[in-house]
C-alpha atoms as a PDB file:
ATOM      1  CA  UNK A   1      18.289  -6.398  -1.012  1.00  0.00           C
ATOM      2  CA  UNK A   2      15.228  -3.669  -1.850  1.00  0.00           C
ATOM      3  CA  UNK A   3      13.474  -1.402  -0.701  1.00  0.00           C
ATOM      4  CA  UNK A   4      10.099  -3.183   0.973  1.00  0.00           C
ATOM      5  CA  UNK A   5       6.916  -1.176   0.059  1.00  0.00           C
ATOM      6  CA  UNK A   6       4.683   0.129   2.987  1.00  0.00           C
ATOM      7  CA  UNK A   7       0.813   0.935   2.182  1.00  0.00           C
ATOM      8  CA  UNK A   8      -0.780   2.621   5.352  1.00  0.00           C
ATOM      9  CA  UNK A   9      -4.732   3.185   5.415  1.00  0.00           C
ATOM     10  CA  UNK A  10      -5.312   6.756   7.552  1.00  0.00           C
ATOM     11  CA  UNK A  11      -9.297   7.068   8.651  1.00  0.00           C
ATOM     12  CA  UNK A  12     -11.175   8.150  11.227  1.00  0.00           C
ATOM     13  CA  UNK A  13     -13.381   6.224  13.608  1.00  0.00           C
ATOM     14  CA  UNK A  14     -13.273   3.048  15.702  1.00  0.00           C
ATOM     15  CA  UNK A  15     -10.082   0.393  15.626  1.00  0.00           C
ATOM     16  CA  UNK A  16     -12.026  -2.959  13.635  1.00  0.00           C
ATOM     17  CA  UNK A  17     -12.641  -5.921  15.490  1.00  0.00           C
ATOM     18  CA  UNK A  18     -10.461  -8.931  15.158  1.00  0.00           C
ATOM     19  CA  UNK A  19     -13.006  -9.832  12.929  1.00  0.00           C
ATOM     20  CA  UNK A  20     -13.644  -7.162  10.358  1.00  0.00           C
ATOM     21  CA  UNK A  21      -9.649  -7.490   9.651  1.00  0.00           C
ATOM     22  CA  UNK A  22      -9.793 -11.158   9.517  1.00  0.00           C
ATOM     23  CA  UNK A  23     -12.453 -10.717   6.832  1.00  0.00           C
ATOM     24  CA  UNK A  24     -10.882  -8.290   5.057  1.00  0.00           C
ATOM     25  CA  UNK A  25      -7.200 -10.531   5.441  1.00  0.00           C
ATOM     26  CA  UNK A  26      -9.737 -12.781   3.039  1.00  0.00           C
ATOM     27  CA  UNK A  27     -11.481 -11.372   1.490  1.00  0.00           C
ATOM     28  CA  UNK A  28      -8.090  -9.453  -0.220  1.00  0.00           C
ATOM     29  CA  UNK A  29      -5.929 -12.727  -0.011  1.00  0.00           C
ATOM     30  CA  UNK A  30      -8.997 -14.399  -2.177  1.00  0.00           C
ATOM     31  CA  UNK A  31      -9.587 -11.049  -4.829  1.00  0.00           C
ATOM     32  CA  UNK A  32      -6.438  -9.875  -5.556  1.00  0.00           C
ATOM     33  CA  UNK A  33      -3.873 -12.661  -4.237  1.00  0.00           C
ATOM     34  CA  UNK A  34      -5.208 -16.095  -4.918  1.00  0.00           C
ATOM     35  CA  UNK A  35      -7.020 -14.687  -8.485  1.00  0.00           C
ATOM     36  CA  UNK A  36      -3.840 -13.181  -9.365  1.00  0.00           C
ATOM     37  CA  UNK A  37      -2.078 -17.042 -10.079  1.00  0.00           C
ATOM     38  CA  UNK A  38       1.431 -14.736  -9.310  1.00  0.00           C
ATOM     39  CA  UNK A  39       3.532 -15.887  -6.913  1.00  0.00           C
ATOM     40  CA  UNK A  40       2.805 -13.066  -4.804  1.00  0.00           C
ATOM     41  CA  UNK A  41       2.789 -13.383  -1.080  1.00  0.00           C
ATOM     42  CA  UNK A  42       0.107 -13.064   1.495  1.00  0.00           C
ATOM     43  CA  UNK A  43      -0.950 -10.057   2.615  1.00  0.00           C
ATOM     44  CA  UNK A  44      -1.664  -9.443   6.185  1.00  0.00           C
ATOM     45  CA  UNK A  45      -3.841  -6.383   6.520  1.00  0.00           C
ATOM     46  CA  UNK A  46      -3.474  -5.032  10.425  1.00  0.00           C
ATOM     47  CA  UNK A  47      -4.116  -2.438  12.823  1.00  0.00           C
ATOM     48  CA  UNK A  48      -0.304  -0.100  13.148  1.00  0.00           C
ATOM     49  CA  UNK A  49       0.638   0.415  16.427  1.00  0.00           C
ATOM     50  CA  UNK A  50       3.253   3.883  17.624  1.00  0.00           C
ATOM     51  CA  UNK A  51       2.872   5.243  13.914  1.00  0.00           C
ATOM     52  CA  UNK A  52       4.451   7.867  15.660  1.00  0.00           C
ATOM     53  CA  UNK A  53       7.569   6.487  16.804  1.00  0.00           C
ATOM     54  CA  UNK A  54       7.987   4.093  13.916  1.00  0.00           C
ATOM     55  CA  UNK A  55       7.959   6.752  11.309  1.00  0.00           C
ATOM     56  CA  UNK A  56       8.381   9.823  13.518  1.00  0.00           C
ATOM     57  CA  UNK A  57      10.486  11.271  10.543  1.00  0.00           C
ATOM     58  CA  UNK A  58       7.175  11.049   7.481  1.00  0.00           C
ATOM     59  CA  UNK A  59       5.474  14.307   7.627  1.00  0.00           C
ATOM     60  CA  UNK A  60       2.385  12.195   6.851  1.00  0.00           C
ATOM     61  CA  UNK A  61       2.409   9.602   9.255  1.00  0.00           C
ATOM     62  CA  UNK A  62       3.733  12.240  11.861  1.00  0.00           C
ATOM     63  CA  UNK A  63      -0.427  13.167  13.070  1.00  0.00           C
ATOM     64  CA  UNK A  64      -1.806  10.001  14.220  1.00  0.00           C
ATOM     65  CA  UNK A  65      -4.294  11.162  17.088  1.00  0.00           C
ATOM     66  CA  UNK A  66      -7.699  10.437  16.198  1.00  0.00           C
ATOM     67  CA  UNK A  67      -6.956   8.341  13.319  1.00  0.00           C
ATOM     68  CA  UNK A  68      -6.792   4.407  13.421  1.00  0.00           C
ATOM     69  CA  UNK A  69      -4.278   3.281  10.770  1.00  0.00           C
ATOM     70  CA  UNK A  70      -4.247  -0.028   9.302  1.00  0.00           C
ATOM     71  CA  UNK A  71      -0.820  -1.762   8.110  1.00  0.00           C
ATOM     72  CA  UNK A  72      -0.982  -3.468   4.941  1.00  0.00           C
ATOM     73  CA  UNK A  73       1.542  -5.541   4.565  1.00  0.00           C
ATOM     74  CA  UNK A  74       2.036  -5.447   0.577  1.00  0.00           C
ATOM     75  CA  UNK A  75       5.077  -8.196   0.495  1.00  0.00           C
ATOM     76  CA  UNK A  76       6.890  -6.145  -2.299  1.00  0.00           C
ATOM     77  CA  UNK A  77       9.631  -3.841  -3.612  1.00  0.00           C
ATOM     78  CA  UNK A  78       8.873   0.269  -3.810  1.00  0.00           C
ATOM     79  CA  UNK A  79       8.144   1.645  -7.194  1.00  0.00           C
ATOM     80  CA  UNK A  80       9.433   4.748  -7.754  1.00  0.00           C
ATOM     81  CA  UNK A  81      10.607   7.107 -10.417  1.00  0.00           C
ATOM     82  CA  UNK A  82      13.722   7.346  -9.195  1.00  0.00           C
ATOM     83  CA  UNK A  83      13.240   3.484  -8.026  1.00  0.00           C
ATOM     84  CA  UNK A  84      11.698   1.256 -10.658  1.00  0.00           C
ATOM     85  CA  UNK A  85      11.602  -2.419  -8.999  1.00  0.00           C
ATOM     86  CA  UNK A  86       8.205  -3.044  -7.489  1.00  0.00           C
ATOM     87  CA  UNK A  87       5.345  -4.338  -8.774  1.00  0.00           C
ATOM     88  CA  UNK A  88       3.098  -0.749  -9.387  1.00  0.00           C
ATOM     89  CA  UNK A  89       0.242  -2.798 -10.694  1.00  0.00           C
ATOM     90  CA  UNK A  90       0.052  -5.286  -7.877  1.00  0.00           C
ATOM     91  CA  UNK A  91       0.510  -1.614  -5.736  1.00  0.00           C
ATOM     92  CA  UNK A  92      -1.983   0.195  -7.749  1.00  0.00           C
ATOM     93  CA  UNK A  93      -4.051  -2.755  -7.383  1.00  0.00           C
ATOM     94  CA  UNK A  94      -3.949  -3.099  -3.199  1.00  0.00           C
ATOM     95  CA  UNK A  95      -4.801   0.829  -3.582  1.00  0.00           C
ATOM     96  CA  UNK A  96      -7.977   0.015  -5.632  1.00  0.00           C
ATOM     97  CA  UNK A  97      -9.224  -2.847  -3.165  1.00  0.00           C
ATOM     98  CA  UNK A  98      -8.656  -0.267  -0.198  1.00  0.00           C
ATOM     99  CA  UNK A  99     -10.827   2.241  -2.109  1.00  0.00           C
ATOM    100  CA  UNK A 100     -13.404  -0.234  -2.798  1.00  0.00           C
ATOM    101  CA  UNK A 101     -13.207  -1.573   0.710  1.00  0.00           C
ATOM    102  CA  UNK A 102     -13.474   1.694   2.397  1.00  0.00           C
ATOM    103  CA  UNK A 103     -15.779   2.992   0.345  1.00  0.00           C
ATOM    104  CA  UNK A 104     -18.362   4.233   3.296  1.00  0.00           C
ATOM    105  CA  UNK A 105     -15.012   5.902   5.587  1.00  0.00           C
ATOM    106  CA  UNK A 106     -13.171   8.701   5.687  1.00  0.00           C
ATOM    107  CA  UNK A 107      -9.873   7.662   4.545  1.00  0.00           C
ATOM    108  CA  UNK A 108      -6.375   8.604   2.663  1.00  0.00           C
ATOM    109  CA  UNK A 109      -4.068   5.835   1.380  1.00  0.00           C
ATOM    110  CA  UNK A 110       0.104   6.106   2.286  1.00  0.00           C
ATOM    111  CA  UNK A 111       2.283   4.677  -0.250  1.00  0.00           C
ATOM    112  CA  UNK A 112       6.852   4.551   1.221  1.00  0.00           C
ATOM    113  CA  UNK A 113       9.545   1.995   2.179  1.00  0.00           C
ATOM    114  CA  UNK A 114      11.119   2.699   5.712  1.00  0.00           C
ATOM    115  CA  UNK A 115      13.683   4.767   3.382  1.00  0.00           C
ATOM    116  CA  UNK A 116      11.423   7.427   1.542  1.00  0.00           C
ATOM    117  CA  UNK A 117       8.747   9.724   2.026  1.00  0.00           C
ATOM    118  CA  UNK A 118       5.172   8.895   1.999  1.00  0.00           C
ATOM    119  CA  UNK A 119       2.817   9.911  -0.720  1.00  0.00           C
ATOM    120  CA  UNK A 120      -1.233   9.889  -0.952  1.00  0.00           C
ATOM    121  CA  UNK A 121      -1.554   7.196  -3.482  1.00  0.00           C
ATOM    122  CA  UNK A 122      -4.296   8.420  -4.397  1.00  0.00           C
ATOM    123  CA  UNK A 123      -5.864   7.986  -8.369  1.00  0.00           C
ATOM    124  CA  UNK A 124      -3.483  11.138  -9.787  1.00  0.00           C
ATOM    125  CA  UNK A 125      -0.160   9.543  -8.305  1.00  0.00           C
ATOM    126  CA  UNK A 126      -0.715   5.905  -9.602  1.00  0.00           C
ATOM    127  CA  UNK A 127      -1.569   7.056 -12.811  1.00  0.00           C
ATOM    128  CA  UNK A 128       2.136   8.965 -12.871  1.00  0.00           C
ATOM    129  CA  UNK A 129       3.860   5.914 -12.032  1.00  0.00           C
ATOM    130  CA  UNK A 130       1.701   3.634 -14.215  1.00  0.00           C
ATOM    131  CA  UNK A 131       2.679   6.219 -17.181  1.00  0.00           C
ATOM    132  CA  UNK A 132       6.296   6.101 -16.413  1.00  0.00           C
ATOM    133  CA  UNK A 133       6.405   2.031 -15.346  1.00  0.00           C
ATOM    134  CA  UNK A 134       4.690   2.157 -19.683  1.00  0.00           C
ATOM    135  CA  UNK A 135       6.548   5.100 -21.305  1.00  0.00           C
ATOM    136  CA  UNK A 136      10.174   4.921 -19.608  1.00  0.00           C
ATOM    137  CA  UNK A 137      11.031   1.981 -18.716  1.00  0.00           C
ATOM    138  CA  UNK A 138      13.673  -0.173 -21.198  1.00  0.00           C
ATOM    139  CA  UNK A 139      12.856  -3.797 -21.813  1.00  0.00           C
ATOM    140  CA  UNK A 140      14.864  -6.167 -21.130  1.00  0.00           C
ATOM    141  CA  UNK A 141      17.878  -7.298 -23.376  1.00  0.00           C
ATOM    142  CA  UNK A 142      16.605 -10.392 -24.735  1.00  0.00           C
ATOM    143  CA  UNK A 143      19.755 -13.188 -25.383  1.00  0.00           C
END
């Protein structure tokens, strides 16, 4: 059993309508999942509830007052320098879709796992993780 990745979008504004959430889910799953021809599971975007209780020990998610927090159910393993199991290229693609889709909002993308601290999943952090992926991970041994 591994660590699951979690991505949250935190923004100031009104909560989205169910119609807007349905539109985001359809757009995301078509652009990212369907077109990838990969066995990535469908992502479900929803408004996160009780974040202060559920993630009380994570500094970046302590402050929820005045924010809307969307849970991007990315359905993949966590990736970091100490835990390089997840699909970091897919996770970066999710973040780039968020940046494109939410360009009219003031938002933050938060990334982590239930067993790790959350970080701002900004362009600088994503570049660091992709460089780690490309530069330091060994190729699997072929038989």
